[in-house]
Amino acid sequence: MAYFARLDKNNIVKSVHIVDDDHLLNEHGVAEEDFGIVYLNKVHGVGFTWVQTSKDGSIRKNRAGIGDTYDKERDAFIPFKTFPSWTLNEETCKWESPVPFDPEENKPYRWNEDTTSWDEI
């Protein structure tokens, strides 16, 4: 199975669709993203922007999710930023806290934006 993100005009992921691998194969039996886009345009009509993603994040750095952004320059999906203090790791295209997470054994923590620290729950 292949996965495709449907983007809005601001490159925000609006939905993620599953496409059977057979719809991606060219005449040589090789999967191509463009073939999947053609198939999705037949199913949903033209006028949508489709970008292939993957369930495990192996394509375009991260798995696309609703509300995420596709960055054309990085050719990567960037998750929704949940905390203002976090910064984008340019290599992984994931948000990172200003204080590294270093949990003690089997204790749950959550991020506290007011103190910019990890609090034990």
PDB file of N, CA and C in Angstrom:
ATOM      1  N   MET A   1       0.826  -1.179   0.000  1.00  0.00           N
ATOM      2  CA  MET A   1       0.000   0.000   0.000  1.00  0.00           C
ATOM      3  C   MET A   1       0.871   1.243   0.000  1.00  0.00           C
ATOM      4  N   ALA A   2       0.388   2.253  -0.698  1.00  0.00           N
ATOM      5  CA  ALA A   2       1.060   3.544  -0.733  1.00  0.00           C
ATOM      6  C   ALA A   2       0.156   4.579  -0.066  1.00  0.00           C
ATOM      7  N   TYR A   3       0.751   5.630   0.431  1.00  0.00           N
ATOM      8  CA  TYR A   3       0.009   6.672   1.136  1.00  0.00           C
ATOM      9  C   TYR A   3       0.279   8.012   0.458  1.00  0.00           C
ATOM     10  N   PHE A   4      -0.787   8.790   0.328  1.00  0.00           N
ATOM     11  CA  PHE A   4      -0.680  10.107  -0.297  1.00  0.00           C
ATOM     12  C   PHE A   4      -1.391  11.141   0.560  1.00  0.00           C
ATOM     13  N   ALA A   5      -0.732  12.281   0.743  1.00  0.00           N
ATOM     14  CA  ALA A   5      -1.325  13.392   1.474  1.00  0.00           C
ATOM     15  C   ALA A   5      -1.964  14.349   0.478  1.00  0.00           C
ATOM     16  N   ARG A   6      -3.178  14.789   0.798  1.00  0.00           N
ATOM     17  CA  ARG A   6      -3.838  15.836   0.006  1.00  0.00           C
ATOM     18  C   ARG A   6      -3.574  17.153   0.710  1.00  0.00           C
ATOM     19  N   LEU A   7      -3.006  18.104  -0.038  1.00  0.00           N
ATOM     20  CA  LEU A   7      -2.603  19.387   0.527  1.00  0.00           C
ATOM     21  C   LEU A   7      -3.559  20.494   0.115  1.00  0.00           C
ATOM     22  N   ASP A   8      -3.681  21.507   0.974  1.00  0.00           N
ATOM     23  CA  ASP A   8      -4.433  22.690   0.582  1.00  0.00           C
ATOM     24  C   ASP A   8      -3.473  23.678  -0.088  1.00  0.00           C
ATOM     25  N   LYS A   9      -3.948  24.871  -0.393  1.00  0.00           N
ATOM     26  CA  LYS A   9      -3.131  25.848  -1.126  1.00  0.00           C
ATOM     27  C   LYS A   9      -1.929  26.335  -0.316  1.00  0.00           C
ATOM     28  N   ASN A  10      -1.951  26.119   1.016  1.00  0.00           N
ATOM     29  CA  ASN A  10      -0.831  26.506   1.878  1.00  0.00           C
ATOM     30  C   ASN A  10       0.066  25.332   2.243  1.00  0.00           C
ATOM     31  N   ASN A  11      -0.109  24.214   1.533  1.00  0.00           N
ATOM     32  CA  ASN A  11       0.667  22.984   1.752  1.00  0.00           C
ATOM     33  C   ASN A  11       0.415  22.354   3.127  1.00  0.00           C
ATOM     34  N   ILE A  12      -0.785  22.566   3.656  1.00  0.00           N
ATOM     35  CA  ILE A  12      -1.197  21.913   4.901  1.00  0.00           C
ATOM     36  C   ILE A  12      -1.912  20.620   4.529  1.00  0.00           C
ATOM     37  N   VAL A  13      -1.584  19.542   5.227  1.00  0.00           N
ATOM     38  CA  VAL A  13      -2.205  18.245   4.961  1.00  0.00           C
ATOM     39  C   VAL A  13      -3.661  18.279   5.424  1.00  0.00           C
ATOM     40  N   LYS A  14      -4.569  18.008   4.488  1.00  0.00           N
ATOM     41  CA  LYS A  14      -6.000  17.984   4.785  1.00  0.00           C
ATOM     42  C   LYS A  14      -6.514  16.558   4.991  1.00  0.00           C
ATOM     43  N   SER A  15      -5.875  15.593   4.336  1.00  0.00           N
ATOM     44  CA  SER A  15      -6.263  14.193   4.480  1.00  0.00           C
ATOM     45  C   SER A  15      -5.126  13.313   3.958  1.00  0.00           C
ATOM     46  N   VAL A  16      -5.173  12.044   4.350  1.00  0.00           N
ATOM     47  CA  VAL A  16      -4.190  11.065   3.875  1.00  0.00           C
ATOM     48  C   VAL A  16      -4.973   9.895   3.297  1.00  0.00           C
ATOM     49  N   HIS A  17      -4.595   9.466   2.091  1.00  0.00           N
ATOM     50  CA  HIS A  17      -5.318   8.423   1.375  1.00  0.00           C
ATOM     51  C   HIS A  17      -4.398   7.240   1.087  1.00  0.00           C
ATOM     52  N   ILE A  18      -4.980   6.053   1.140  1.00  0.00           N
ATOM     53  CA  ILE A  18      -4.250   4.824   0.834  1.00  0.00           C
ATOM     54  C   ILE A  18      -4.547   4.437  -0.607  1.00  0.00           C
ATOM     55  N   VAL A  19      -3.485   4.081  -1.327  1.00  0.00           N
ATOM     56  CA  VAL A  19      -3.600   3.670  -2.725  1.00  0.00           C
ATOM     57  C   VAL A  19      -2.938   2.309  -2.872  1.00  0.00           C
ATOM     58  N   ASP A  20      -3.631   1.378  -3.502  1.00  0.00           N
ATOM     59  CA  ASP A  20      -3.066   0.055  -3.756  1.00  0.00           C
ATOM     60  C   ASP A  20      -1.829   0.202  -4.637  1.00  0.00           C
ATOM     61  N   ASP A  21      -0.792  -0.541  -4.318  1.00  0.00           N
ATOM     62  CA  ASP A  21       0.471  -0.462  -5.059  1.00  0.00           C
ATOM     63  C   ASP A  21       0.300  -0.664  -6.556  1.00  0.00           C
ATOM     64  N   ASP A  22      -0.685  -1.457  -6.963  1.00  0.00           N
ATOM     65  CA  ASP A  22      -0.904  -1.708  -8.394  1.00  0.00           C
ATOM     66  C   ASP A  22      -1.150  -0.433  -9.184  1.00  0.00           C
ATOM     67  N   HIS A  23      -1.690   0.591  -8.536  1.00  0.00           N
ATOM     68  CA  HIS A  23      -1.993   1.849  -9.217  1.00  0.00           C
ATOM     69  C   HIS A  23      -0.762   2.733  -9.400  1.00  0.00           C
ATOM     70  N   LEU A  24       0.368   2.316  -8.856  1.00  0.00           N
ATOM     71  CA  LEU A  24       1.603   3.093  -8.962  1.00  0.00           C
ATOM     72  C   LEU A  24       2.578   2.531  -9.989  1.00  0.00           C
ATOM     73  N   LEU A  25       2.270   1.364 -10.548  1.00  0.00           N
ATOM     74  CA  LEU A  25       3.245   0.678 -11.396  1.00  0.00           C
ATOM     75  C   LEU A  25       3.263   1.207 -12.822  1.00  0.00           C
ATOM     76  N   ASN A  26       4.484   1.464 -13.314  1.00  0.00           N
ATOM     77  CA  ASN A  26       4.642   1.859 -14.712  1.00  0.00           C
ATOM     78  C   ASN A  26       4.713   0.608 -15.594  1.00  0.00           C
ATOM     79  N   GLU A  27       4.998   0.788 -16.864  1.00  0.00           N
ATOM     80  CA  GLU A  27       5.007  -0.346 -17.811  1.00  0.00           C
ATOM     81  C   GLU A  27       6.094  -1.375 -17.509  1.00  0.00           C
ATOM     82  N   HIS A  28       7.077  -0.992 -16.655  1.00  0.00           N
ATOM     83  CA  HIS A  28       8.150  -1.910 -16.278  1.00  0.00           C
ATOM     84  C   HIS A  28       7.922  -2.513 -14.898  1.00  0.00           C
ATOM     85  N   GLY A  29       6.747  -2.236 -14.316  1.00  0.00           N
ATOM     86  CA  GLY A  29       6.428  -2.769 -12.995  1.00  0.00           C
ATOM     87  C   GLY A  29       7.091  -2.040 -11.848  1.00  0.00           C
ATOM     88  N   VAL A  30       7.563  -0.817 -12.109  1.00  0.00           N
ATOM     89  CA  VAL A  30       8.225  -0.015 -11.085  1.00  0.00           C
ATOM     90  C   VAL A  30       7.231   1.029 -10.565  1.00  0.00           C
ATOM     91  N   ALA A  31       7.155   1.163  -9.250  1.00  0.00           N
ATOM     92  CA  ALA A  31       6.232   2.131  -8.649  1.00  0.00           C
ATOM     93  C   ALA A  31       6.733   3.553  -8.863  1.00  0.00           C
ATOM     94  N   GLU A  32       5.812   4.420  -9.287  1.00  0.00           N
ATOM     95  CA  GLU A  32       6.126   5.832  -9.485  1.00  0.00           C
ATOM     96  C   GLU A  32       5.053   6.690  -8.834  1.00  0.00           C
ATOM     97  N   GLU A  33       5.479   7.699  -8.133  1.00  0.00           N
ATOM     98  CA  GLU A  33       4.557   8.606  -7.444  1.00  0.00           C
ATOM     99  C   GLU A  33       3.548   9.223  -8.413  1.00  0.00           C
ATOM    100  N   ASP A  34       4.003   9.632  -9.583  1.00  0.00           N
ATOM    101  CA  ASP A  34       3.117  10.276 -10.565  1.00  0.00           C
ATOM    102  C   ASP A  34       1.935   9.390 -10.951  1.00  0.00           C
ATOM    103  N   PHE A  35       2.153   8.087 -11.016  1.00  0.00           N
ATOM    104  CA  PHE A  35       1.067   7.169 -11.364  1.00  0.00           C
ATOM    105  C   PHE A  35       0.004   7.158 -10.258  1.00  0.00           C
ATOM    106  N   GLY A  36       0.439   7.235  -9.025  1.00  0.00           N
ATOM    107  CA  GLY A  36      -0.495   7.312  -7.913  1.00  0.00           C
ATOM    108  C   GLY A  36      -1.300   8.599  -7.954  1.00  0.00           C
ATOM    109  N   ILE A  37      -0.656   9.694  -8.331  1.00  0.00           N
ATOM    110  CA  ILE A  37      -1.338  10.987  -8.437  1.00  0.00           C
ATOM    111  C   ILE A  37      -2.380  10.948  -9.545  1.00  0.00           C
ATOM    112  N   VAL A  38      -2.040  10.351 -10.672  1.00  0.00           N
ATOM    113  CA  VAL A  38      -3.002  10.214 -11.768  1.00  0.00           C
ATOM    114  C   VAL A  38      -4.214   9.414 -11.294  1.00  0.00           C
ATOM    115  N   TYR A  39      -3.969   8.330 -10.582  1.00  0.00           N
ATOM    116  CA  TYR A  39      -5.068   7.509 -10.063  1.00  0.00           C
ATOM    117  C   TYR A  39      -5.951   8.322  -9.111  1.00  0.00           C
ATOM    118  N   LEU A  40      -5.338   9.049  -8.185  1.00  0.00           N
ATOM    119  CA  LEU A  40      -6.115   9.850  -7.229  1.00  0.00           C
ATOM    120  C   LEU A  40      -6.924  10.937  -7.930  1.00  0.00           C
ATOM    121  N   ASN A  41      -6.375  11.519  -8.993  1.00  0.00           N
ATOM    122  CA  ASN A  41      -7.122  12.520  -9.761  1.00  0.00           C
ATOM    123  C   ASN A  41      -8.329  11.896 -10.458  1.00  0.00           C
ATOM    124  N   LYS A  42      -8.192  10.649 -10.878  1.00  0.00           N
ATOM    125  CA  LYS A  42      -9.338   9.955 -11.487  1.00  0.00           C
ATOM    126  C   LYS A  42     -10.423   9.701 -10.448  1.00  0.00           C
ATOM    127  N   VAL A  43     -10.015   9.326  -9.246  1.00  0.00           N
ATOM    128  CA  VAL A  43     -10.964   8.995  -8.183  1.00  0.00           C
ATOM    129  C   VAL A  43     -11.613  10.251  -7.587  1.00  0.00           C
ATOM    130  N   HIS A  44     -10.800  11.278  -7.322  1.00  0.00           N
ATOM    131  CA  HIS A  44     -11.276  12.455  -6.594  1.00  0.00           C
ATOM    132  C   HIS A  44     -11.489  13.681  -7.471  1.00  0.00           C
ATOM    133  N   GLY A  45     -11.090  13.600  -8.722  1.00  0.00           N
ATOM    134  CA  GLY A  45     -11.175  14.755  -9.607  1.00  0.00           C
ATOM    135  C   GLY A  45      -9.900  15.570  -9.538  1.00  0.00           C
ATOM    136  N   VAL A  46      -9.699  16.379 -10.548  1.00  0.00           N
ATOM    137  CA  VAL A  46      -8.487  17.205 -10.594  1.00  0.00           C
ATOM    138  C   VAL A  46      -8.667  18.427  -9.696  1.00  0.00           C
ATOM    139  N   GLY A  47      -7.583  19.112  -9.458  1.00  0.00           N
ATOM    140  CA  GLY A  47      -7.643  20.314  -8.647  1.00  0.00           C
ATOM    141  C   GLY A  47      -7.063  20.139  -7.254  1.00  0.00           C
ATOM    142  N   PHE A  48      -6.652  18.927  -6.931  1.00  0.00           N
ATOM    143  CA  PHE A  48      -6.030  18.671  -5.633  1.00  0.00           C
ATOM    144  C   PHE A  48      -4.528  18.511  -5.808  1.00  0.00           C
ATOM    145  N   THR A  49      -3.795  18.821  -4.764  1.00  0.00           N
ATOM    146  CA  THR A  49      -2.355  18.596  -4.749  1.00  0.00           C
ATOM    147  C   THR A  49      -2.095  17.365  -3.899  1.00  0.00           C
ATOM    148  N   TRP A  50      -1.406  16.383  -4.483  1.00  0.00           N
ATOM    149  CA  TRP A  50      -1.107  15.116  -3.817  1.00  0.00           C
ATOM    150  C   TRP A  50       0.401  14.955  -3.690  1.00  0.00           C
ATOM    151  N   VAL A  51       0.861  14.490  -2.530  1.00  0.00           N
ATOM    152  CA  VAL A  51       2.272  14.210  -2.306  1.00  0.00           C
ATOM    153  C   VAL A  51       2.359  12.872  -1.578  1.00  0.00           C
ATOM    154  N   GLN A  52       3.217  12.003  -2.085  1.00  0.00           N
ATOM    155  CA  GLN A  52       3.343  10.680  -1.463  1.00  0.00           C
ATOM    156  C   GLN A  52       4.021  10.790  -0.101  1.00  0.00           C
ATOM    157  N   THR A  53       3.541   9.994   0.819  1.00  0.00           N
ATOM    158  CA  THR A  53       4.106   9.898   2.154  1.00  0.00           C
ATOM    159  C   THR A  53       4.257   8.408   2.467  1.00  0.00           C
ATOM    160  N   SER A  54       4.605   8.073   3.676  1.00  0.00           N
ATOM    161  CA  SER A  54       4.729   6.660   4.043  1.00  0.00           C
ATOM    162  C   SER A  54       4.252   6.468   5.468  1.00  0.00           C
ATOM    163  N   LYS A  55       3.798   5.282   5.738  1.00  0.00           N
ATOM    164  CA  LYS A  55       3.281   4.947   7.072  1.00  0.00           C
ATOM    165  C   LYS A  55       4.376   5.043   8.133  1.00  0.00           C
ATOM    166  N   ASP A  56       5.600   4.674   7.750  1.00  0.00           N
ATOM    167  CA  ASP A  56       6.696   4.640   8.717  1.00  0.00           C
ATOM    168  C   ASP A  56       7.599   5.876   8.683  1.00  0.00           C
ATOM    169  N   GLY A  57       7.263   6.870   7.866  1.00  0.00           N
ATOM    170  CA  GLY A  57       8.067   8.085   7.803  1.00  0.00           C
ATOM    171  C   GLY A  57       9.327   7.959   6.971  1.00  0.00           C
ATOM    172  N   SER A  58       9.467   6.888   6.213  1.00  0.00           N
ATOM    173  CA  SER A  58      10.676   6.681   5.409  1.00  0.00           C
ATOM    174  C   SER A  58      10.687   7.528   4.136  1.00  0.00           C
ATOM    175  N   ILE A  59       9.542   8.087   3.766  1.00  0.00           N
ATOM    176  CA  ILE A  59       9.474   8.978   2.608  1.00  0.00           C
ATOM    177  C   ILE A  59       9.224  10.388   3.121  1.00  0.00           C
ATOM    178  N   ARG A  60      10.059  11.315   2.734  1.00  0.00           N
ATOM    179  CA  ARG A  60       9.906  12.735   3.086  1.00  0.00           C
ATOM    180  C   ARG A  60       9.978  12.971   4.589  1.00  0.00           C
ATOM    181  N   LYS A  61      10.926  12.316   5.211  1.00  0.00           N
ATOM    182  CA  LYS A  61      11.330  12.494   6.610  1.00  0.00           C
ATOM    183  C   LYS A  61      10.322  12.057   7.661  1.00  0.00           C
ATOM    184  N   ASN A  62       9.043  12.379   7.489  1.00  0.00           N
ATOM    185  CA  ASN A  62       8.032  12.071   8.503  1.00  0.00           C
ATOM    186  C   ASN A  62       6.751  11.611   7.837  1.00  0.00           C
ATOM    187  N   ARG A  63       5.973  10.841   8.564  1.00  0.00           N
ATOM    188  CA  ARG A  63       4.659  10.433   8.086  1.00  0.00           C
ATOM    189  C   ARG A  63       3.754  11.657   8.098  1.00  0.00           C
ATOM    190  N   ALA A  64       3.038  11.872   7.015  1.00  0.00           N
ATOM    191  CA  ALA A  64       2.124  13.008   6.944  1.00  0.00           C
ATOM    192  C   ALA A  64       0.896  12.747   7.798  1.00  0.00           C
ATOM    193  N   GLY A  65       0.485  13.762   8.528  1.00  0.00           N
ATOM    194  CA  GLY A  65      -0.731  13.703   9.320  1.00  0.00           C
ATOM    195  C   GLY A  65      -1.546  14.960   9.093  1.00  0.00           C
ATOM    196  N   ILE A  66      -2.825  14.882   9.340  1.00  0.00           N
ATOM    197  CA  ILE A  66      -3.697  16.033   9.147  1.00  0.00           C
ATOM    198  C   ILE A  66      -3.187  17.191  10.003  1.00  0.00           C
ATOM    199  N   GLY A  67      -3.049  18.353   9.382  1.00  0.00           N
ATOM    200  CA  GLY A  67      -2.553  19.544  10.060  1.00  0.00           C
ATOM    201  C   GLY A  67      -1.061  19.766   9.893  1.00  0.00           C
ATOM    202  N   ASP A  68      -0.334  18.745   9.422  1.00  0.00           N
ATOM    203  CA  ASP A  68       1.094  18.898   9.168  1.00  0.00           C
ATOM    204  C   ASP A  68       1.310  19.745   7.916  1.00  0.00           C
ATOM    205  N   THR A  69       2.545  20.185   7.718  1.00  0.00           N
ATOM    206  CA  THR A  69       2.891  21.009   6.566  1.00  0.00           C
ATOM    207  C   THR A  69       3.865  20.257   5.673  1.00  0.00           C
ATOM    208  N   TYR A  70       3.662  20.369   4.355  1.00  0.00           N
ATOM    209  CA  TYR A  70       4.656  19.846   3.417  1.00  0.00           C
ATOM    210  C   TYR A  70       5.545  21.003   3.012  1.00  0.00           C
ATOM    211  N   ASP A  71       6.843  20.878   3.251  1.00  0.00           N
ATOM    212  CA  ASP A  71       7.825  21.892   2.895  1.00  0.00           C
ATOM    213  C   ASP A  71       8.506  21.459   1.599  1.00  0.00           C
ATOM    214  N   LYS A  72       8.224  22.172   0.516  1.00  0.00           N
ATOM    215  CA  LYS A  72       8.769  21.810  -0.796  1.00  0.00           C
ATOM    216  C   LYS A  72      10.287  21.908  -0.826  1.00  0.00           C
ATOM    217  N   GLU A  73      10.852  22.950  -0.213  1.00  0.00           N
ATOM    218  CA  GLU A  73      12.302  23.132  -0.239  1.00  0.00           C
ATOM    219  C   GLU A  73      13.034  21.992   0.451  1.00  0.00           C
ATOM    220  N   ARG A  74      12.499  21.535   1.556  1.00  0.00           N
ATOM    221  CA  ARG A  74      13.110  20.418   2.292  1.00  0.00           C
ATOM    222  C   ARG A  74      12.632  19.067   1.774  1.00  0.00           C
ATOM    223  N   ASP A  75      11.582  19.075   0.952  1.00  0.00           N
ATOM    224  CA  ASP A  75      10.907  17.864   0.491  1.00  0.00           C
ATOM    225  C   ASP A  75      10.596  16.971   1.692  1.00  0.00           C
ATOM    226  N   ALA A  76       9.914  17.592   2.671  1.00  0.00           N
ATOM    227  CA  ALA A  76       9.641  16.900   3.926  1.00  0.00           C
ATOM    228  C   ALA A  76       8.300  17.333   4.500  1.00  0.00           C
ATOM    229  N   PHE A  77       7.683  16.401   5.226  1.00  0.00           N
ATOM    230  CA  PHE A  77       6.501  16.723   6.007  1.00  0.00           C
ATOM    231  C   PHE A  77       6.965  17.159   7.394  1.00  0.00           C
ATOM    232  N   ILE A  78       6.443  18.285   7.848  1.00  0.00           N
ATOM    233  CA  ILE A  78       6.802  18.818   9.156  1.00  0.00           C
ATOM    234  C   ILE A  78       5.560  18.754  10.043  1.00  0.00           C
ATOM    235  N   PRO A  79       5.680  18.066  11.169  1.00  0.00           N
ATOM    236  CA  PRO A  79       4.524  17.948  12.066  1.00  0.00           C
ATOM    237  C   PRO A  79       4.043  19.313  12.556  1.00  0.00           C
ATOM    238  N   PHE A  80       2.795  19.335  12.984  1.00  0.00           N
ATOM    239  CA  PHE A  80       2.216  20.534  13.574  1.00  0.00           C
ATOM    240  C   PHE A  80       3.028  20.923  14.807  1.00  0.00           C
ATOM    241  N   LYS A  81       3.354  22.198  14.927  1.00  0.00           N
ATOM    242  CA  LYS A  81       4.140  22.674  16.075  1.00  0.00           C
ATOM    243  C   LYS A  81       3.205  22.879  17.266  1.00  0.00           C
ATOM    244  N   THR A  82       3.416  22.107  18.315  1.00  0.00           N
ATOM    245  CA  THR A  82       2.520  22.163  19.464  1.00  0.00           C
ATOM    246  C   THR A  82       2.958  23.145  20.546  1.00  0.00           C
ATOM    247  N   PHE A  83       4.236  23.479  20.606  1.00  0.00           N
ATOM    248  CA  PHE A  83       4.727  24.377  21.642  1.00  0.00           C
ATOM    249  C   PHE A  83       5.580  25.489  21.025  1.00  0.00           C
ATOM    250  N   PRO A  84       5.299  26.752  21.368  1.00  0.00           N
ATOM    251  CA  PRO A  84       6.042  27.873  20.784  1.00  0.00           C
ATOM    252  C   PRO A  84       7.545  27.843  21.053  1.00  0.00           C
ATOM    253  N   SER A  85       7.970  27.291  22.180  1.00  0.00           N
ATOM    254  CA  SER A  85       9.389  27.301  22.539  1.00  0.00           C
ATOM    255  C   SER A  85      10.218  26.266  21.781  1.00  0.00           C
ATOM    256  N   TRP A  86       9.569  25.335  21.134  1.00  0.00           N
ATOM    257  CA  TRP A  86      10.304  24.272  20.449  1.00  0.00           C
ATOM    258  C   TRP A  86      10.851  24.772  19.121  1.00  0.00           C
ATOM    259  N   THR A  87      11.963  24.207  18.692  1.00  0.00           N
ATOM    260  CA  THR A  87      12.594  24.601  17.428  1.00  0.00           C
ATOM    261  C   THR A  87      12.664  23.407  16.482  1.00  0.00           C
ATOM    262  N   LEU A  88      12.717  23.727  15.219  1.00  0.00           N
ATOM    263  CA  LEU A  88      12.740  22.683  14.203  1.00  0.00           C
ATOM    264  C   LEU A  88      14.152  22.145  14.014  1.00  0.00           C
ATOM    265  N   ASN A  89      14.294  20.837  14.107  1.00  0.00           N
ATOM    266  CA  ASN A  89      15.552  20.173  13.789  1.00  0.00           C
ATOM    267  C   ASN A  89      15.605  20.078  12.266  1.00  0.00           C
ATOM    268  N   GLU A  90      16.534  20.778  11.655  1.00  0.00           N
ATOM    269  CA  GLU A  90      16.614  20.853  10.195  1.00  0.00           C
ATOM    270  C   GLU A  90      16.906  19.505   9.544  1.00  0.00           C
ATOM    271  N   GLU A  91      17.564  18.630  10.269  1.00  0.00           N
ATOM    272  CA  GLU A  91      17.905  17.328   9.714  1.00  0.00           C
ATOM    273  C   GLU A  91      16.717  16.364   9.725  1.00  0.00           C
ATOM    274  N   THR A  92      16.019  16.305  10.852  1.00  0.00           N
ATOM    275  CA  THR A  92      14.912  15.356  10.984  1.00  0.00           C
ATOM    276  C   THR A  92      13.562  15.964  10.620  1.00  0.00           C
ATOM    277  N   CYS A  93      13.506  17.303  10.585  1.00  0.00           N
ATOM    278  CA  CYS A  93      12.254  18.046  10.362  1.00  0.00           C
ATOM    279  C   CYS A  93      11.215  17.711  11.430  1.00  0.00           C
ATOM    280  N   LYS A  94      11.690  17.546  12.650  1.00  0.00           N
ATOM    281  CA  LYS A  94      10.823  17.344  13.809  1.00  0.00           C
ATOM    282  C   LYS A  94      11.095  18.464  14.806  1.00  0.00           C
ATOM    283  N   TRP A  95      10.069  18.779  15.595  1.00  0.00           N
ATOM    284  CA  TRP A  95      10.195  19.818  16.620  1.00  0.00           C
ATOM    285  C   TRP A  95      10.879  19.238  17.849  1.00  0.00           C
ATOM    286  N   GLU A  96      11.782  20.040  18.435  1.00  0.00           N
ATOM    287  CA  GLU A  96      12.516  19.597  19.622  1.00  0.00           C
ATOM    288  C   GLU A  96      12.377  20.625  20.733  1.00  0.00           C
ATOM    289  N   SER A  97      12.273  20.121  21.944  1.00  0.00           N
ATOM    290  CA  SER A  97      12.156  20.998  23.108  1.00  0.00           C
ATOM    291  C   SER A  97      13.502  21.665  23.387  1.00  0.00           C
ATOM    292  N   PRO A  98      13.475  22.846  24.033  1.00  0.00           N
ATOM    293  CA  PRO A  98      14.739  23.514  24.365  1.00  0.00           C
ATOM    294  C   PRO A  98      15.517  22.786  25.458  1.00  0.00           C
ATOM    295  N   VAL A  99      14.832  21.882  26.165  1.00  0.00           N
ATOM    296  CA  VAL A  99      15.467  21.062  27.193  1.00  0.00           C
ATOM    297  C   VAL A  99      15.314  19.615  26.757  1.00  0.00           C
ATOM    298  N   PRO A 100      16.401  18.907  26.547  1.00  0.00           N
ATOM    299  CA  PRO A 100      16.285  17.510  26.105  1.00  0.00           C
ATOM    300  C   PRO A 100      15.486  16.665  27.091  1.00  0.00           C
ATOM    301  N   PHE A 101      14.722  15.745  26.544  1.00  0.00           N
ATOM    302  CA  PHE A 101      13.926  14.837  27.365  1.00  0.00           C
ATOM    303  C   PHE A 101      14.824  13.725  27.867  1.00  0.00           C
ATOM    304  N   ASP A 102      14.933  13.596  29.193  1.00  0.00           N
ATOM    305  CA  ASP A 102      15.769  12.569  29.804  1.00  0.00           C
ATOM    306  C   ASP A 102      14.958  11.928  30.933  1.00  0.00           C
ATOM    307  N   PRO A 103      14.068  11.005  30.572  1.00  0.00           N
ATOM    308  CA  PRO A 103      13.147  10.450  31.580  1.00  0.00           C
ATOM    309  C   PRO A 103      13.842   9.512  32.555  1.00  0.00           C
ATOM    310  N   GLU A 104      13.318   9.548  33.782  1.00  0.00           N
ATOM    311  CA  GLU A 104      13.733   8.540  34.749  1.00  0.00           C
ATOM    312  C   GLU A 104      12.933   7.287  34.447  1.00  0.00           C
ATOM    313  N   GLU A 105      13.392   6.163  34.951  1.00  0.00           N
ATOM    314  CA  GLU A 105      12.772   4.887  34.608  1.00  0.00           C
ATOM    315  C   GLU A 105      11.269   4.847  34.891  1.00  0.00           C
ATOM    316  N   ASN A 106      10.513   4.512  33.865  1.00  0.00           N
ATOM    317  CA  ASN A 106       9.076   4.259  33.926  1.00  0.00           C
ATOM    318  C   ASN A 106       8.246   5.355  34.593  1.00  0.00           C
ATOM    319  N   LYS A 107       8.676   6.596  34.511  1.00  0.00           N
ATOM    320  CA  LYS A 107       7.886   7.700  35.048  1.00  0.00           C
ATOM    321  C   LYS A 107       7.367   8.541  33.877  1.00  0.00           C
ATOM    322  N   PRO A 108       6.075   8.864  33.893  1.00  0.00           N
ATOM    323  CA  PRO A 108       5.527   9.682  32.806  1.00  0.00           C
ATOM    324  C   PRO A 108       5.818  11.177  33.011  1.00  0.00           C
ATOM    325  N   TYR A 109       6.097  11.853  31.921  1.00  0.00           N
ATOM    326  CA  TYR A 109       6.387  13.281  31.945  1.00  0.00           C
ATOM    327  C   TYR A 109       5.559  13.985  30.885  1.00  0.00           C
ATOM    328  N   ARG A 110       5.403  15.289  31.059  1.00  0.00           N
ATOM    329  CA  ARG A 110       4.784  16.115  30.022  1.00  0.00           C
ATOM    330  C   ARG A 110       5.519  17.443  29.984  1.00  0.00           C
ATOM    331  N   TRP A 111       5.451  18.081  28.841  1.00  0.00           N
ATOM    332  CA  TRP A 111       6.118  19.352  28.643  1.00  0.00           C
ATOM    333  C   TRP A 111       5.316  20.473  29.298  1.00  0.00           C
ATOM    334  N   ASN A 112       6.010  21.349  30.025  1.00  0.00           N
ATOM    335  CA  ASN A 112       5.397  22.518  30.651  1.00  0.00           C
ATOM    336  C   ASN A 112       5.925  23.743  29.914  1.00  0.00           C
ATOM    337  N   GLU A 113       5.092  24.341  29.098  1.00  0.00           N
ATOM    338  CA  GLU A 113       5.512  25.491  28.287  1.00  0.00           C
ATOM    339  C   GLU A 113       5.803  26.718  29.151  1.00  0.00           C
ATOM    340  N   ASP A 114       5.102  26.860  30.271  1.00  0.00           N
ATOM    341  CA  ASP A 114       5.315  28.031  31.145  1.00  0.00           C
ATOM    342  C   ASP A 114       6.700  28.043  31.765  1.00  0.00           C
ATOM    343  N   THR A 115       7.194  26.861  32.133  1.00  0.00           N
ATOM    344  CA  THR A 115       8.524  26.781  32.764  1.00  0.00           C
ATOM    345  C   THR A 115       9.579  26.249  31.802  1.00  0.00           C
ATOM    346  N   THR A 116       9.160  25.924  30.598  1.00  0.00           N
ATOM    347  CA  THR A 116      10.019  25.279  29.584  1.00  0.00           C
ATOM    348  C   THR A 116      10.843  24.146  30.215  1.00  0.00           C
ATOM    349  N   SER A 117      10.098  23.203  30.793  1.00  0.00           N
ATOM    350  CA  SER A 117      10.741  22.047  31.412  1.00  0.00           C
ATOM    351  C   SER A 117       9.800  20.846  31.335  1.00  0.00           C
ATOM    352  N   TRP A 118      10.382  19.687  31.595  1.00  0.00           N
ATOM    353  CA  TRP A 118       9.600  18.448  31.633  1.00  0.00           C
ATOM    354  C   TRP A 118       9.142  18.229  33.064  1.00  0.00           C
ATOM    355  N   ASP A 119       7.857  18.067  33.268  1.00  0.00           N
ATOM    356  CA  ASP A 119       7.284  17.831  34.588  1.00  0.00           C
ATOM    357  C   ASP A 119       6.833  16.391  34.707  1.00  0.00           C
ATOM    358  N   GLU A 120       7.146  15.804  35.849  1.00  0.00           N
ATOM    359  CA  GLU A 120       6.649  14.458  36.111  1.00  0.00           C
ATOM    360  C   GLU A 120       5.158  14.542  36.374  1.00  0.00           C
ATOM    361  N   ILE A 121       4.423  13.598  35.794  1.00  0.00           N
ATOM    362  CA  ILE A 121       2.969  13.589  35.953  1.00  0.00           C
ATOM    363  C   ILE A 121       2.598  12.855  37.228  1.00  0.00           C
TER     364      ILE A 121
END
